[in-house]
PDB file of N, CA and C in Angstrom:
ATOM      1  N   MET A   1      -5.658  -1.647   9.365  1.00  0.00           N
ATOM      2  CA  MET A   1      -5.366  -2.759   8.487  1.00  0.00           C
ATOM      3  C   MET A   1      -5.728  -2.353   7.060  1.00  0.00           C
ATOM      4  N   ILE A   2      -4.841  -2.648   6.127  1.00  0.00           N
ATOM      5  CA  ILE A   2      -5.065  -2.421   4.702  1.00  0.00           C
ATOM      6  C   ILE A   2      -5.540  -3.748   4.115  1.00  0.00           C
ATOM      7  N   LEU A   3      -6.579  -3.693   3.293  1.00  0.00           N
ATOM      8  CA  LEU A   3      -7.145  -4.898   2.686  1.00  0.00           C
ATOM      9  C   LEU A   3      -7.026  -4.800   1.172  1.00  0.00           C
ATOM     10  N   TYR A   4      -6.250  -5.704   0.607  1.00  0.00           N
ATOM     11  CA  TYR A   4      -6.035  -5.766  -0.839  1.00  0.00           C
ATOM     12  C   TYR A   4      -6.925  -6.875  -1.383  1.00  0.00           C
ATOM     13  N   HIS A   5      -7.906  -6.508  -2.195  1.00  0.00           N
ATOM     14  CA  HIS A   5      -8.894  -7.447  -2.708  1.00  0.00           C
ATOM     15  C   HIS A   5      -8.588  -7.796  -4.158  1.00  0.00           C
ATOM     16  N   ALA A   6      -8.812  -9.048  -4.516  1.00  0.00           N
ATOM     17  CA  ALA A   6      -8.745  -9.484  -5.912  1.00  0.00           C
ATOM     18  C   ALA A   6      -9.988 -10.320  -6.197  1.00  0.00           C
ATOM     19  N   PHE A   7     -10.742  -9.922  -7.203  1.00  0.00           N
ATOM     20  CA  PHE A   7     -11.927 -10.650  -7.642  1.00  0.00           C
ATOM     21  C   PHE A   7     -11.585 -11.236  -9.011  1.00  0.00           C
ATOM     22  N   PHE A   8     -11.848 -12.527  -9.233  1.00  0.00           N
ATOM     23  CA  PHE A   8     -11.376 -13.145 -10.467  1.00  0.00           C
ATOM     24  C   PHE A   8     -12.096 -14.458 -10.757  1.00  0.00           C
ATOM     25  N   THR A   9     -11.867 -14.935 -11.978  1.00  0.00           N
ATOM     26  CA  THR A   9     -12.274 -16.281 -12.372  1.00  0.00           C
ATOM     27  C   THR A   9     -10.990 -17.062 -12.647  1.00  0.00           C
ATOM     28  N   LEU A  10     -11.126 -18.352 -12.762  1.00  0.00           N
ATOM     29  CA  LEU A  10      -9.994 -19.189 -13.129  1.00  0.00           C
ATOM     30  C   LEU A  10      -9.993 -19.410 -14.637  1.00  0.00           C
ATOM     31  N   LYS A  11      -8.812 -19.542 -15.205  1.00  0.00           N
ATOM     32  CA  LYS A  11      -8.711 -19.833 -16.631  1.00  0.00           C
ATOM     33  C   LYS A  11      -9.318 -21.204 -16.915  1.00  0.00           C
ATOM     34  N   PRO A  12      -9.841 -21.404 -18.130  1.00  0.00           N
ATOM     35  CA  PRO A  12     -10.398 -22.715 -18.471  1.00  0.00           C
ATOM     36  C   PRO A  12      -9.381 -23.830 -18.253  1.00  0.00           C
ATOM     37  N   GLY A  13      -9.839 -24.914 -17.666  1.00  0.00           N
ATOM     38  CA  GLY A  13      -8.986 -26.068 -17.430  1.00  0.00           C
ATOM     39  C   GLY A  13      -8.228 -26.050 -16.116  1.00  0.00           C
ATOM     40  N   VAL A  14      -8.263 -24.940 -15.377  1.00  0.00           N
ATOM     41  CA  VAL A  14      -7.568 -24.850 -14.095  1.00  0.00           C
ATOM     42  C   VAL A  14      -8.493 -25.379 -13.005  1.00  0.00           C
ATOM     43  N   GLY A  15      -8.012 -26.340 -12.255  1.00  0.00           N
ATOM     44  CA  GLY A  15      -8.798 -26.900 -11.160  1.00  0.00           C
ATOM     45  C   GLY A  15      -8.841 -25.973  -9.963  1.00  0.00           C
ATOM     46  N   ASP A  16      -9.986 -25.949  -9.296  1.00  0.00           N
ATOM     47  CA  ASP A  16     -10.145 -25.063  -8.145  1.00  0.00           C
ATOM     48  C   ASP A  16      -9.178 -25.397  -7.014  1.00  0.00           C
ATOM     49  N   LEU A  17      -8.998 -26.679  -6.725  1.00  0.00           N
ATOM     50  CA  LEU A  17      -8.070 -27.054  -5.649  1.00  0.00           C
ATOM     51  C   LEU A  17      -6.621 -26.840  -6.061  1.00  0.00           C
ATOM     52  N   GLU A  18      -6.323 -27.045  -7.331  1.00  0.00           N
ATOM     53  CA  GLU A  18      -4.976 -26.761  -7.847  1.00  0.00           C
ATOM     54  C   GLU A  18      -4.644 -25.282  -7.623  1.00  0.00           C
ATOM     55  N   PHE A  19      -5.586 -24.409  -7.970  1.00  0.00           N
ATOM     56  CA  PHE A  19      -5.372 -22.984  -7.756  1.00  0.00           C
ATOM     57  C   PHE A  19      -5.218 -22.663  -6.272  1.00  0.00           C
ATOM     58  N   SER A  20      -6.106 -23.213  -5.463  1.00  0.00           N
ATOM     59  CA  SER A  20      -6.082 -22.949  -4.025  1.00  0.00           C
ATOM     60  C   SER A  20      -4.736 -23.330  -3.413  1.00  0.00           C
ATOM     61  N   GLU A  21      -4.182 -24.444  -3.843  1.00  0.00           N
ATOM     62  CA  GLU A  21      -2.877 -24.872  -3.323  1.00  0.00           C
ATOM     63  C   GLU A  21      -1.767 -23.918  -3.759  1.00  0.00           C
ATOM     64  N   SER A  22      -1.819 -23.457  -5.005  1.00  0.00           N
ATOM     65  CA  SER A  22      -0.811 -22.500  -5.487  1.00  0.00           C
ATOM     66  C   SER A  22      -0.894 -21.190  -4.709  1.00  0.00           C
ATOM     67  N   LEU A  23      -2.118 -20.704  -4.493  1.00  0.00           N
ATOM     68  CA  LEU A  23      -2.288 -19.468  -3.734  1.00  0.00           C
ATOM     69  C   LEU A  23      -1.808 -19.639  -2.303  1.00  0.00           C
ATOM     70  N   SER A  24      -2.117 -20.767  -1.710  1.00  0.00           N
ATOM     71  CA  SER A  24      -1.699 -21.030  -0.326  1.00  0.00           C
ATOM     72  C   SER A  24      -0.174 -21.015  -0.195  1.00  0.00           C
ATOM     73  N   ARG A  25       0.517 -21.627  -1.146  1.00  0.00           N
ATOM     74  CA  ARG A  25       1.994 -21.629  -1.109  1.00  0.00           C
ATOM     75  C   ARG A  25       2.543 -20.199  -1.263  1.00  0.00           C
ATOM     76  N   TYR A  26       1.943 -19.435  -2.155  1.00  0.00           N
ATOM     77  CA  TYR A  26       2.389 -18.055  -2.391  1.00  0.00           C
ATOM     78  C   TYR A  26       2.165 -17.201  -1.145  1.00  0.00           C
ATOM     79  N   MET A  27       0.989 -17.284  -0.571  1.00  0.00           N
ATOM     80  CA  MET A  27       0.688 -16.485   0.617  1.00  0.00           C
ATOM     81  C   MET A  27       1.547 -16.923   1.809  1.00  0.00           C
ATOM     82  N   ALA A  28       1.810 -18.220   1.935  1.00  0.00           N
ATOM     83  CA  ALA A  28       2.675 -18.716   3.012  1.00  0.00           C
ATOM     84  C   ALA A  28       4.077 -18.134   2.871  1.00  0.00           C
ATOM     85  N   TYR A  29       4.563 -18.035   1.626  1.00  0.00           N
ATOM     86  CA  TYR A  29       5.869 -17.423   1.394  1.00  0.00           C
ATOM     87  C   TYR A  29       5.853 -15.958   1.826  1.00  0.00           C
ATOM     88  N   LEU A  30       4.844 -15.203   1.375  1.00  0.00           N
ATOM     89  CA  LEU A  30       4.772 -13.785   1.734  1.00  0.00           C
ATOM     90  C   LEU A  30       4.643 -13.592   3.245  1.00  0.00           C
ATOM     91  N   GLU A  31       3.862 -14.436   3.896  1.00  0.00           N
ATOM     92  CA  GLU A  31       3.738 -14.352   5.363  1.00  0.00           C
ATOM     93  C   GLU A  31       5.059 -14.670   6.045  1.00  0.00           C
ATOM     94  N   SER A  32       5.769 -15.677   5.553  1.00  0.00           N
ATOM     95  CA  SER A  32       7.045 -16.063   6.175  1.00  0.00           C
ATOM     96  C   SER A  32       8.086 -14.954   6.072  1.00  0.00           C
ATOM     97  N   GLN A  33       7.928 -14.084   5.078  1.00  0.00           N
ATOM     98  CA  GLN A  33       8.839 -12.951   4.885  1.00  0.00           C
ATOM     99  C   GLN A  33       8.302 -11.667   5.526  1.00  0.00           C
ATOM    100  N   ASN A  34       7.211 -11.791   6.288  1.00  0.00           N
ATOM    101  CA  ASN A  34       6.553 -10.647   6.935  1.00  0.00           C
ATOM    102  C   ASN A  34       6.127  -9.566   5.939  1.00  0.00           C
ATOM    103  N   MET A  35       5.763 -10.005   4.730  1.00  0.00           N
ATOM    104  CA  MET A  35       5.306  -9.058   3.721  1.00  0.00           C
ATOM    105  C   MET A  35       3.794  -8.886   3.738  1.00  0.00           C
ATOM    106  N   ILE A  36       3.085  -9.796   4.391  1.00  0.00           N
ATOM    107  CA  ILE A  36       1.639  -9.660   4.573  1.00  0.00           C
ATOM    108  C   ILE A  36       1.297 -10.093   5.993  1.00  0.00           C
ATOM    109  N   ALA A  37       0.149  -9.641   6.474  1.00  0.00           N
ATOM    110  CA  ALA A  37      -0.292  -9.991   7.826  1.00  0.00           C
ATOM    111  C   ALA A  37      -1.217 -11.209   7.826  1.00  0.00           C
ATOM    112  N   GLY A  38      -1.895 -11.455   6.714  1.00  0.00           N
ATOM    113  CA  GLY A  38      -2.808 -12.581   6.614  1.00  0.00           C
ATOM    114  C   GLY A  38      -3.508 -12.567   5.272  1.00  0.00           C
ATOM    115  N   TRP A  39      -4.351 -13.563   5.051  1.00  0.00           N
ATOM    116  CA  TRP A  39      -5.064 -13.652   3.782  1.00  0.00           C
ATOM    117  C   TRP A  39      -6.207 -14.643   3.905  1.00  0.00           C
ATOM    118  N   ARG A  40      -7.089 -14.600   2.930  1.00  0.00           N
ATOM    119  CA  ARG A  40      -8.146 -15.597   2.833  1.00  0.00           C
ATOM    120  C   ARG A  40      -8.633 -15.673   1.400  1.00  0.00           C
ATOM    121  N   LEU A  41      -9.161 -16.834   1.049  1.00  0.00           N
ATOM    122  CA  LEU A  41      -9.739 -17.072  -0.266  1.00  0.00           C
ATOM    123  C   LEU A  41     -11.188 -17.473  -0.066  1.00  0.00           C
ATOM    124  N   SER A  42     -12.075 -16.868  -0.845  1.00  0.00           N
ATOM    125  CA  SER A  42     -13.487 -17.245  -0.779  1.00  0.00           C
ATOM    126  C   SER A  42     -14.010 -17.451  -2.198  1.00  0.00           C
ATOM    127  N   ARG A  43     -15.151 -18.145  -2.246  1.00  0.00           N
ATOM    128  CA  ARG A  43     -15.776 -18.468  -3.526  1.00  0.00           C
ATOM    129  C   ARG A  43     -17.241 -18.084  -3.476  1.00  0.00           C
ATOM    130  N   ARG A  44     -17.731 -17.496  -4.552  1.00  0.00           N
ATOM    131  CA  ARG A  44     -19.126 -17.078  -4.616  1.00  0.00           C
ATOM    132  C   ARG A  44     -20.046 -18.286  -4.409  1.00  0.00           C
ATOM    133  N   MET A  45     -21.125 -18.051  -3.679  1.00  0.00           N
ATOM    134  CA  MET A  45     -22.094 -19.111  -3.386  1.00  0.00           C
ATOM    135  C   MET A  45     -23.398 -18.877  -4.133  1.00  0.00           C
ATOM    136  N   LEU A  46     -23.985 -19.949  -4.568  1.00  0.00           N
ATOM    137  CA  LEU A  46     -25.336 -19.946  -5.134  1.00  0.00           C
ATOM    138  C   LEU A  46     -25.500 -18.967  -6.297  1.00  0.00           C
ATOM    139  N   GLY A  47     -24.382 -18.628  -6.939  1.00  0.00           N
ATOM    140  CA  GLY A  47     -24.440 -17.704  -8.060  1.00  0.00           C
ATOM    141  C   GLY A  47     -24.762 -16.277  -7.660  1.00  0.00           C
ATOM    142  N   LEU A  48     -24.705 -15.988  -6.374  1.00  0.00           N
ATOM    143  CA  LEU A  48     -25.048 -14.645  -5.895  1.00  0.00           C
ATOM    144  C   LEU A  48     -23.845 -13.716  -6.020  1.00  0.00           C
ATOM    145  N   GLY A  49     -24.052 -12.613  -6.690  1.00  0.00           N
ATOM    146  CA  GLY A  49     -23.009 -11.625  -6.876  1.00  0.00           C
ATOM    147  C   GLY A  49     -22.870 -11.271  -8.340  1.00  0.00           C
ATOM    148  N   PRO A  50     -22.384 -10.072  -8.618  1.00  0.00           N
ATOM    149  CA  PRO A  50     -22.202  -9.651 -10.012  1.00  0.00           C
ATOM    150  C   PRO A  50     -21.184 -10.550 -10.723  1.00  0.00           C
ATOM    151  N   LYS A  51     -21.523 -10.982 -11.924  1.00  0.00           N
ATOM    152  CA  LYS A  51     -20.611 -11.843 -12.689  1.00  0.00           C
ATOM    153  C   LYS A  51     -19.288 -11.148 -12.968  1.00  0.00           C
ATOM    154  N   GLU A  52     -19.315  -9.821 -13.079  1.00  0.00           N
ATOM    155  CA  GLU A  52     -18.089  -9.067 -13.356  1.00  0.00           C
ATOM    156  C   GLU A  52     -17.062  -9.218 -12.239  1.00  0.00           C
ATOM    157  N   MET A  53     -17.521  -9.577 -11.045  1.00  0.00           N
ATOM    158  CA  MET A  53     -16.601  -9.709  -9.919  1.00  0.00           C
ATOM    159  C   MET A  53     -15.924 -11.070  -9.884  1.00  0.00           C
ATOM    160  N   GLY A  54     -16.338 -11.985 -10.712  1.00  0.00           N
ATOM    161  CA  GLY A  54     -15.706 -13.294 -10.755  1.00  0.00           C
ATOM    162  C   GLY A  54     -16.237 -14.231  -9.696  1.00  0.00           C
ATOM    163  N   GLU A  55     -15.833 -15.466  -9.818  1.00  0.00           N
ATOM    164  CA  GLU A  55     -16.301 -16.502  -8.899  1.00  0.00           C
ATOM    165  C   GLU A  55     -15.490 -16.533  -7.607  1.00  0.00           C
ATOM    166  N   PHE A  56     -14.250 -16.066  -7.657  1.00  0.00           N
ATOM    167  CA  PHE A  56     -13.362 -16.136  -6.504  1.00  0.00           C
ATOM    168  C   PHE A  56     -13.015 -14.744  -5.993  1.00  0.00           C
ATOM    169  N   HIS A  57     -12.659 -14.701  -4.719  1.00  0.00           N
ATOM    170  CA  HIS A  57     -12.299 -13.452  -4.052  1.00  0.00           C
ATOM    171  C   HIS A  57     -11.159 -13.756  -3.079  1.00  0.00           C
ATOM    172  N   ALA A  58     -10.037 -13.110  -3.280  1.00  0.00           N
ATOM    173  CA  ALA A  58      -8.910 -13.232  -2.351  1.00  0.00           C
ATOM    174  C   ALA A  58      -8.732 -11.894  -1.646  1.00  0.00           C
ATOM    175  N   VAL A  59      -8.461 -11.955  -0.356  1.00  0.00           N
ATOM    176  CA  VAL A  59      -8.182 -10.760   0.434  1.00  0.00           C
ATOM    177  C   VAL A  59      -6.824 -10.948   1.093  1.00  0.00           C
ATOM    178  N   ILE A  60      -5.958  -9.975   0.902  1.00  0.00           N
ATOM    179  CA  ILE A  60      -4.649  -9.982   1.550  1.00  0.00           C
ATOM    180  C   ILE A  60      -4.651  -8.861   2.571  1.00  0.00           C
ATOM    181  N   GLU A  61      -4.323  -9.192   3.809  1.00  0.00           N
ATOM    182  CA  GLU A  61      -4.294  -8.215   4.896  1.00  0.00           C
ATOM    183  C   GLU A  61      -2.873  -7.705   5.086  1.00  0.00           C
ATOM    184  N   LEU A  62      -2.761  -6.391   5.192  1.00  0.00           N
ATOM    185  CA  LEU A  62      -1.470  -5.745   5.395  1.00  0.00           C
ATOM    186  C   LEU A  62      -1.581  -4.780   6.557  1.00  0.00           C
ATOM    187  N   GLU A  63      -0.516  -4.656   7.305  1.00  0.00           N
ATOM    188  CA  GLU A  63      -0.538  -3.790   8.480  1.00  0.00           C
ATOM    189  C   GLU A  63      -0.439  -2.312   8.124  1.00  0.00           C
ATOM    190  N   SER A  64       0.130  -2.007   6.954  1.00  0.00           N
ATOM    191  CA  SER A  64       0.333  -0.606   6.578  1.00  0.00           C
ATOM    192  C   SER A  64       0.607  -0.513   5.087  1.00  0.00           C
ATOM    193  N   LEU A  65       0.567   0.712   4.572  1.00  0.00           N
ATOM    194  CA  LEU A  65       0.944   0.915   3.184  1.00  0.00           C
ATOM    195  C   LEU A  65       2.430   0.636   2.973  1.00  0.00           C
ATOM    196  N   ALA A  66       3.222   0.829   4.004  1.00  0.00           N
ATOM    197  CA  ALA A  66       4.654   0.509   3.909  1.00  0.00           C
ATOM    198  C   ALA A  66       4.845  -0.988   3.690  1.00  0.00           C
ATOM    199  N   GLN A  67       4.077  -1.809   4.384  1.00  0.00           N
ATOM    200  CA  GLN A  67       4.170  -3.255   4.193  1.00  0.00           C
ATOM    201  C   GLN A  67       3.695  -3.622   2.786  1.00  0.00           C
ATOM    202  N   PHE A  68       2.621  -2.985   2.321  1.00  0.00           N
ATOM    203  CA  PHE A  68       2.125  -3.208   0.961  1.00  0.00           C
ATOM    204  C   PHE A  68       3.206  -2.858  -0.056  1.00  0.00           C
ATOM    205  N   ASP A  69       3.842  -1.720   0.127  1.00  0.00           N
ATOM    206  CA  ASP A  69       4.884  -1.272  -0.781  1.00  0.00           C
ATOM    207  C   ASP A  69       6.070  -2.240  -0.785  1.00  0.00           C
ATOM    208  N   ALA A  70       6.450  -2.744   0.386  1.00  0.00           N
ATOM    209  CA  ALA A  70       7.561  -3.699   0.476  1.00  0.00           C
ATOM    210  C   ALA A  70       7.222  -4.998  -0.249  1.00  0.00           C
ATOM    211  N   ALA A  71       5.990  -5.476  -0.066  1.00  0.00           N
ATOM    212  CA  ALA A  71       5.567  -6.709  -0.737  1.00  0.00           C
ATOM    213  C   ALA A  71       5.561  -6.501  -2.251  1.00  0.00           C
ATOM    214  N   PHE A  72       4.991  -5.371  -2.696  1.00  0.00           N
ATOM    215  CA  PHE A  72       4.970  -5.076  -4.126  1.00  0.00           C
ATOM    216  C   PHE A  72       6.390  -4.972  -4.674  1.00  0.00           C
ATOM    217  N   GLY A  73       7.263  -4.322  -3.922  1.00  0.00           N
ATOM    218  CA  GLY A  73       8.649  -4.185  -4.349  1.00  0.00           C
ATOM    219  C   GLY A  73       9.328  -5.530  -4.528  1.00  0.00           C
ATOM    220  N   GLU A  74       9.079  -6.449  -3.624  1.00  0.00           N
ATOM    221  CA  GLU A  74       9.670  -7.789  -3.716  1.00  0.00           C
ATOM    222  C   GLU A  74       9.119  -8.543  -4.922  1.00  0.00           C
ATOM    223  N   VAL A  75       7.820  -8.547  -5.068  1.00  0.00           N
ATOM    224  CA  VAL A  75       7.199  -9.313  -6.149  1.00  0.00           C
ATOM    225  C   VAL A  75       7.528  -8.707  -7.515  1.00  0.00           C
ATOM    226  N   SER A  76       7.588  -7.398  -7.612  1.00  0.00           N
ATOM    227  CA  SER A  76       7.827  -6.740  -8.904  1.00  0.00           C
ATOM    228  C   SER A  76       9.260  -6.867  -9.402  1.00  0.00           C
ATOM    229  N   THR A  77      10.174  -7.368  -8.564  1.00  0.00           N
ATOM    230  CA  THR A  77      11.531  -7.618  -9.054  1.00  0.00           C
ATOM    231  C   THR A  77      11.542  -8.729 -10.091  1.00  0.00           C
ATOM    232  N   ARG A  78      10.525  -9.579 -10.034  1.00  0.00           N
ATOM    233  CA  ARG A  78      10.398 -10.744 -10.913  1.00  0.00           C
ATOM    234  C   ARG A  78      11.556 -11.718 -10.695  1.00  0.00           C
ATOM    235  N   ALA A  79      12.144 -11.680  -9.502  1.00  0.00           N
ATOM    236  CA  ALA A  79      13.264 -12.556  -9.155  1.00  0.00           C
ATOM    237  C   ALA A  79      12.769 -13.707  -8.292  1.00  0.00           C
ATOM    238  N   GLU A  80      13.539 -14.755  -8.266  1.00  0.00           N
ATOM    239  CA  GLU A  80      13.225 -15.908  -7.420  1.00  0.00           C
ATOM    240  C   GLU A  80      13.527 -15.583  -5.969  1.00  0.00           C
ATOM    241  N   PRO A  81      12.804 -16.175  -5.025  1.00  0.00           N
ATOM    242  CA  PRO A  81      11.778 -17.195  -5.209  1.00  0.00           C
ATOM    243  C   PRO A  81      10.379 -16.639  -5.460  1.00  0.00           C
ATOM    244  N   ALA A  82      10.176 -15.338  -5.270  1.00  0.00           N
ATOM    245  CA  ALA A  82       8.829 -14.769  -5.398  1.00  0.00           C
ATOM    246  C   ALA A  82       8.240 -14.982  -6.783  1.00  0.00           C
ATOM    247  N   GLU A  83       9.072 -14.917  -7.828  1.00  0.00           N
ATOM    248  CA  GLU A  83       8.557 -15.026  -9.194  1.00  0.00           C
ATOM    249  C   GLU A  83       7.854 -16.352  -9.448  1.00  0.00           C
ATOM    250  N   SER A  84       8.408 -17.452  -8.967  1.00  0.00           N
ATOM    251  CA  SER A  84       7.760 -18.755  -9.188  1.00  0.00           C
ATOM    252  C   SER A  84       6.427 -18.844  -8.471  1.00  0.00           C
ATOM    253  N   PHE A  85       6.364 -18.343  -7.238  1.00  0.00           N
ATOM    254  CA  PHE A  85       5.099 -18.350  -6.497  1.00  0.00           C
ATOM    255  C   PHE A  85       4.057 -17.481  -7.210  1.00  0.00           C
ATOM    256  N   HIS A  86       4.487 -16.290  -7.634  1.00  0.00           N
ATOM    257  CA  HIS A  86       3.584 -15.360  -8.309  1.00  0.00           C
ATOM    258  C   HIS A  86       3.078 -15.960  -9.623  1.00  0.00           C
ATOM    259  N   HIS A  87       3.968 -16.526 -10.404  1.00  0.00           N
ATOM    260  CA  HIS A  87       3.582 -17.122 -11.683  1.00  0.00           C
ATOM    261  C   HIS A  87       2.615 -18.284 -11.486  1.00  0.00           C
ATOM    262  N   ALA A  88       2.835 -19.083 -10.465  1.00  0.00           N
ATOM    263  CA  ALA A  88       1.963 -20.241 -10.208  1.00  0.00           C
ATOM    264  C   ALA A  88       0.529 -19.819  -9.918  1.00  0.00           C
ATOM    265  N   VAL A  89       0.347 -18.587  -9.439  1.00  0.00           N
ATOM    266  CA  VAL A  89      -0.998 -18.061  -9.180  1.00  0.00           C
ATOM    267  C   VAL A  89      -1.484 -17.252 -10.386  1.00  0.00           C
ATOM    268  N   ASN A  90      -0.693 -16.296 -10.810  1.00  0.00           N
ATOM    269  CA  ASN A  90      -1.083 -15.375 -11.877  1.00  0.00           C
ATOM    270  C   ASN A  90      -1.425 -16.094 -13.180  1.00  0.00           C
ATOM    271  N   SER A  91      -0.739 -17.178 -13.478  1.00  0.00           N
ATOM    272  CA  SER A  91      -0.970 -17.900 -14.731  1.00  0.00           C
ATOM    273  C   SER A  91      -2.292 -18.674 -14.726  1.00  0.00           C
ATOM    274  N   LYS A  92      -2.945 -18.758 -13.582  1.00  0.00           N
ATOM    275  CA  LYS A  92      -4.184 -19.538 -13.454  1.00  0.00           C
ATOM    276  C   LYS A  92      -5.445 -18.677 -13.401  1.00  0.00           C
ATOM    277  N   VAL A  93      -5.291 -17.366 -13.303  1.00  0.00           N
ATOM    278  CA  VAL A  93      -6.467 -16.508 -13.118  1.00  0.00           C
ATOM    279  C   VAL A  93      -6.789 -15.719 -14.378  1.00  0.00           C
ATOM    280  N   ASP A  94      -8.056 -15.293 -14.450  1.00  0.00           N
ATOM    281  CA  ASP A  94      -8.549 -14.536 -15.582  1.00  0.00           C
ATOM    282  C   ASP A  94      -9.507 -13.467 -15.070  1.00  0.00           C
ATOM    283  N   LYS A  95      -9.639 -12.397 -15.841  1.00  0.00           N
ATOM    284  CA  LYS A  95     -10.600 -11.336 -15.538  1.00  0.00           C
ATOM    285  C   LYS A  95     -10.480 -10.834 -14.106  1.00  0.00           C
ATOM    286  N   VAL A  96      -9.313 -10.333 -13.761  1.00  0.00           N
ATOM    287  CA  VAL A  96      -9.028  -9.898 -12.391  1.00  0.00           C
ATOM    288  C   VAL A  96      -9.399  -8.428 -12.208  1.00  0.00           C
ATOM    289  N   THR A  97     -10.030  -8.141 -11.076  1.00  0.00           N
ATOM    290  CA  THR A  97     -10.299  -6.779 -10.647  1.00  0.00           C
ATOM    291  C   THR A  97      -9.720  -6.623  -9.251  1.00  0.00           C
ATOM    292  N   PHE A  98      -8.952  -5.550  -9.037  1.00  0.00           N
ATOM    293  CA  PHE A  98      -8.325  -5.311  -7.744  1.00  0.00           C
ATOM    294  C   PHE A  98      -8.969  -4.123  -7.044  1.00  0.00           C
ATOM    295  N   ALA A  99      -8.909  -4.140  -5.725  1.00  0.00           N
ATOM    296  CA  ALA A  99      -9.398  -3.022  -4.915  1.00  0.00           C
ATOM    297  C   ALA A  99      -8.540  -2.931  -3.659  1.00  0.00           C
ATOM    298  N   LEU A 100      -8.389  -1.718  -3.142  1.00  0.00           N
ATOM    299  CA  LEU A 100      -7.613  -1.486  -1.930  1.00  0.00           C
ATOM    300  C   LEU A 100      -8.483  -0.720  -0.941  1.00  0.00           C
ATOM    301  N   TYR A 101      -8.665  -1.294   0.243  1.00  0.00           N
ATOM    302  CA  TYR A 101      -9.504  -0.704   1.285  1.00  0.00           C
ATOM    303  C   TYR A 101      -8.709  -0.603   2.578  1.00  0.00           C
ATOM    304  N   ARG A 102      -9.246   0.156   3.529  1.00  0.00           N
ATOM    305  CA  ARG A 102      -8.657   0.245   4.865  1.00  0.00           C
ATOM    306  C   ARG A 102      -9.764   0.106   5.893  1.00  0.00           C
ATOM    307  N   ASP A 103      -9.384  -0.299   7.091  1.00  0.00           N
ATOM    308  CA  ASP A 103     -10.354  -0.345   8.181  1.00  0.00           C
ATOM    309  C   ASP A 103     -10.874   1.065   8.435  1.00  0.00           C
ATOM    310  N   PHE A 104     -12.117   1.157   8.845  1.00  0.00           N
ATOM    311  CA  PHE A 104     -12.734   2.455   9.099  1.00  0.00           C
ATOM    312  C   PHE A 104     -13.629   2.351  10.317  1.00  0.00           C
ATOM    313  N   PRO A 105     -13.685   3.346  11.175  1.00  0.00           N
ATOM    314  CA  PRO A 105     -13.009   4.636  11.050  1.00  0.00           C
ATOM    315  C   PRO A 105     -11.528   4.524  11.399  1.00  0.00           C
ATOM    316  N   ASP A 106     -10.779   5.463  10.877  1.00  0.00           N
ATOM    317  CA  ASP A 106      -9.350   5.488  11.157  1.00  0.00           C
ATOM    318  C   ASP A 106      -9.138   5.749  12.642  1.00  0.00           C
ATOM    319  N   PRO A 107      -8.171   5.080  13.272  1.00  0.00           N
ATOM    320  CA  PRO A 107      -7.956   5.261  14.712  1.00  0.00           C
ATOM    321  C   PRO A 107      -7.527   6.679  15.090  1.00  0.00           C
ATOM    322  N   TRP A 108      -6.947   7.420  14.144  1.00  0.00           N
ATOM    323  CA  TRP A 108      -6.495   8.784  14.425  1.00  0.00           C
ATOM    324  C   TRP A 108      -7.570   9.839  14.147  1.00  0.00           C
ATOM    325  N   ARG A 109      -8.724   9.407  13.688  1.00  0.00           N
ATOM    326  CA  ARG A 109      -9.788  10.331  13.293  1.00  0.00           C
ATOM    327  C   ARG A 109     -10.324  11.087  14.485  1.00  0.00           C
ATOM    328  N   LYS A 110     -10.420  12.416  14.351  1.00  0.00           N
ATOM    329  CA  LYS A 110     -11.013  13.276  15.375  1.00  0.00           C
ATOM    330  C   LYS A 110     -12.434  13.616  14.948  1.00  0.00           C
ATOM    331  N   THR A 111     -13.299  13.772  15.912  1.00  0.00           N
ATOM    332  CA  THR A 111     -14.668  14.178  15.593  1.00  0.00           C
ATOM    333  C   THR A 111     -14.992  15.470  16.318  1.00  0.00           C
ATOM    334  N   GLY A 112     -15.932  16.206  15.746  1.00  0.00           N
ATOM    335  CA  GLY A 112     -16.377  17.445  16.364  1.00  0.00           C
ATOM    336  C   GLY A 112     -15.723  18.686  15.799  1.00  0.00           C
ATOM    337  N   GLU A 113     -14.696  18.549  15.002  1.00  0.00           N
ATOM    338  CA  GLU A 113     -14.016  19.715  14.443  1.00  0.00           C
ATOM    339  C   GLU A 113     -14.184  19.802  12.917  1.00  0.00           C
ATOM    340  N   GLU A 114     -15.015  18.932  12.346  1.00  0.00           N
ATOM    341  CA  GLU A 114     -15.189  18.901  10.896  1.00  0.00           C
ATOM    342  C   GLU A 114     -15.804  20.206  10.395  1.00  0.00           C
ATOM    343  N   LYS A 115     -15.380  20.671   9.228  1.00  0.00           N
ATOM    344  CA  LYS A 115     -15.887  21.895   8.623  1.00  0.00           C
ATOM    345  C   LYS A 115     -16.868  21.586   7.482  1.00  0.00           C
ATOM    346  N   PHE A 116     -17.105  20.320   7.213  1.00  0.00           N
ATOM    347  CA  PHE A 116     -18.048  19.969   6.151  1.00  0.00           C
ATOM    348  C   PHE A 116     -18.968  18.870   6.605  1.00  0.00           C
TER     349      PHE A 116
END
């Protein structure tokens, strides 16, 4: 599983539930098109965590880099309907940091033959 992380804050004046609803609609669209496997939104608790990471954290689950590439290809066209969903989310966030991770250990990993 590929995990696409976004750490961010909301722009001033943007309501938390307003943002959550926009993200939910966007992710539902991507899921309905089989462009993502799943997602979740979380919020920092009790002020714990580096401020640079923002108050919110979204994780998008993808089955492969091919699925990630297909989703990026669709969204980067800037065409409808993806553009409206993307804009409804992107226009509400500030100070975004992205990260890409994978499940570990890799299922194809061999042990015992390493040279380092």
